[in-house]
Every structure is written in structure tokens, then in C-alpha cells.
Amino acid sequence: MPTKTATWEGVVIAQTDVYEEVEGNVYFPESSIKKEYFKPSSTHTVCGWKGTASYYTVSVNGKDNNDAAWFYPTPKDAAKNITGHVAFWKGVRVN
């Protein structure tokens, strides 16, 4: 697999060569994110087939990107492959 990198505000916040792709989103293993840039959020949403998502706010150089990362703490059986993985949106670039 090619290496995937997530950046926001010019800073690498995650990088891996092992990941899952679901519905066009790259899910990074939690071990590949740079935890110093992530703050827990109280936001939760529900996907019919993946389950309940939790979110992180990405914080870089004093700037917050609220709910820019999401993960499924306990995904449904159909999405077990993304257990322990984090995906991004809201301007976070994944290349």
C-alpha cells in the first residue's frame, strides 16, 4: 500500500502505509495519529451500517478544527475493519 498522510495547517497529523478505505475515506490506524494534535469532542453521529461515530477536534498551532476527525469506538459487524481507525474531513488533506 502507498503511504497516506493527513495534514492540516501544513502540519502532518497522521501518516501510515497500512489503512482501510471505506466510502472514499481513508481510515488511519489510531497508532498512526499524532495524539498531541487531537482533543476529544462531545459530538456523536450515527451511521446505519457502521454504528455510532465519535469525533476529535484537530488543534494545530493554536487553531482548532472542530470535529475534523472521526472514529467508531464500537462499529457494527459490517464495519469491524475500521475498529481502532480514524478518518478526516473539514479541510484535513489526505494524500
Protein backbone atom coordinates (compact mmCIF):
# COMPACT_ATOMS: atom_id res chain seq x y z
CA MET A 1 0.00 0.00 0.00
CA PRO A 2 1.22 3.51 -0.70
CA THR A 3 1.83 5.79 2.28
CA LYS A 4 -1.08 8.05 3.25
CA THR A 5 -0.55 11.34 5.05
CA ALA A 6 -3.10 13.61 6.74
CA THR A 7 -2.17 17.29 7.07
CA TRP A 8 -3.88 20.37 8.41
CA GLU A 9 -2.43 23.87 8.52
CA GLY A 10 0.72 22.48 6.92
CA VAL A 11 1.38 20.03 9.76
CA VAL A 12 1.40 16.24 9.40
CA ILE A 13 -1.15 14.91 11.90
CA ALA A 14 -1.16 11.26 10.76
CA GLN A 15 0.86 9.03 8.45
CA THR A 16 0.69 5.33 7.62
CA ASP A 17 1.21 2.72 4.95
CA VAL A 18 -1.45 0.43 6.47
CA TYR A 19 -5.03 1.73 6.37
CA GLU A 20 -8.62 0.95 5.46
CA GLU A 21 -10.65 2.70 2.75
CA VAL A 22 -14.40 2.91 3.20
CA GLU A 23 -16.76 5.03 1.09
CA GLY A 24 -13.86 7.08 -0.26
CA ASN A 25 -12.43 7.84 3.19
CA VAL A 26 -9.02 6.70 4.36
CA TYR A 27 -9.14 5.32 7.90
CA PHE A 28 -5.77 5.63 9.65
CA PRO A 29 -4.83 3.26 12.47
CA GLU A 30 -5.11 5.11 15.76
CA SER A 31 -1.44 4.34 16.41
CA SER A 32 -0.51 6.45 13.34
CA ILE A 33 -2.09 9.71 14.51
CA LYS A 34 -0.03 12.30 16.35
CA LYS A 35 -2.12 12.46 19.51
CA GLU A 36 -0.78 15.86 20.57
CA TYR A 37 -2.96 17.40 17.82
CA PHE A 38 -6.22 15.69 18.87
CA LYS A 39 -8.74 16.72 21.52
CA PRO A 40 -11.86 14.66 22.32
CA SER A 41 -15.16 16.15 21.19
CA SER A 42 -18.61 15.56 22.65
CA THR A 43 -20.08 15.16 19.13
CA HIS A 44 -21.58 11.82 18.08
CA THR A 45 -23.38 10.80 14.89
CA VAL A 46 -24.97 7.57 13.77
CA CYS A 47 -24.38 5.66 10.52
CA GLY A 48 -26.89 2.95 9.74
CA TRP A 49 -24.31 0.32 8.85
CA LYS A 50 -21.16 1.45 10.70
CA GLY A 51 -22.66 2.47 14.06
CA THR A 52 -22.10 5.48 16.31
CA ALA A 53 -19.17 7.75 15.48
CA SER A 54 -17.20 9.82 17.95
CA TYR A 55 -15.12 12.85 16.99
CA TYR A 56 -11.88 14.65 17.70
CA THR A 57 -11.12 18.33 17.28
CA VAL A 58 -7.82 18.78 15.48
CA SER A 59 -5.72 21.52 17.07
CA VAL A 60 -2.59 22.85 15.34
CA ASN A 61 -0.62 26.00 16.21
CA GLY A 62 -3.47 27.38 18.32
CA LYS A 63 -6.12 26.79 15.64
CA ASP A 64 -8.98 24.34 16.24
CA ASN A 65 -10.77 22.39 13.51
CA ASN A 66 -13.83 21.17 15.39
CA ASP A 67 -14.89 17.56 14.76
CA ALA A 68 -12.42 17.20 11.88
CA ALA A 69 -11.62 13.58 12.73
CA TRP A 70 -13.99 10.73 13.46
CA PHE A 71 -13.86 7.13 14.55
CA TYR A 72 -16.17 4.29 15.52
CA PRO A 73 -15.34 3.06 19.04
CA THR A 74 -17.58 0.01 18.62
CA PRO A 75 -18.50 -0.38 14.95
CA LYS A 76 -21.21 -2.75 13.79
CA ASP A 77 -20.12 -6.13 12.42
CA ALA A 78 -20.16 -4.90 8.80
CA ALA A 79 -17.55 -2.26 9.68
CA LYS A 80 -15.29 -4.22 12.04
CA ASN A 81 -12.33 -3.49 9.72
CA ILE A 82 -12.29 0.15 10.89
CA THR A 83 -12.11 -0.66 14.60
CA GLY A 84 -9.30 1.44 16.05
CA HIS A 85 -9.08 3.68 12.95
CA VAL A 86 -9.58 7.43 12.45
CA ALA A 87 -10.77 9.32 9.32
CA PHE A 88 -10.72 13.01 8.44
CA TRP A 89 -12.71 15.78 6.74
CA LYS A 90 -13.28 19.54 7.15
CA GLY A 91 -10.19 20.63 5.27
CA VAL A 92 -7.77 17.98 6.52
CA ARG A 93 -5.85 16.90 3.42
CA VAL A 94 -5.24 13.20 2.87
CA ASN A 95 -2.71 12.33 0.20
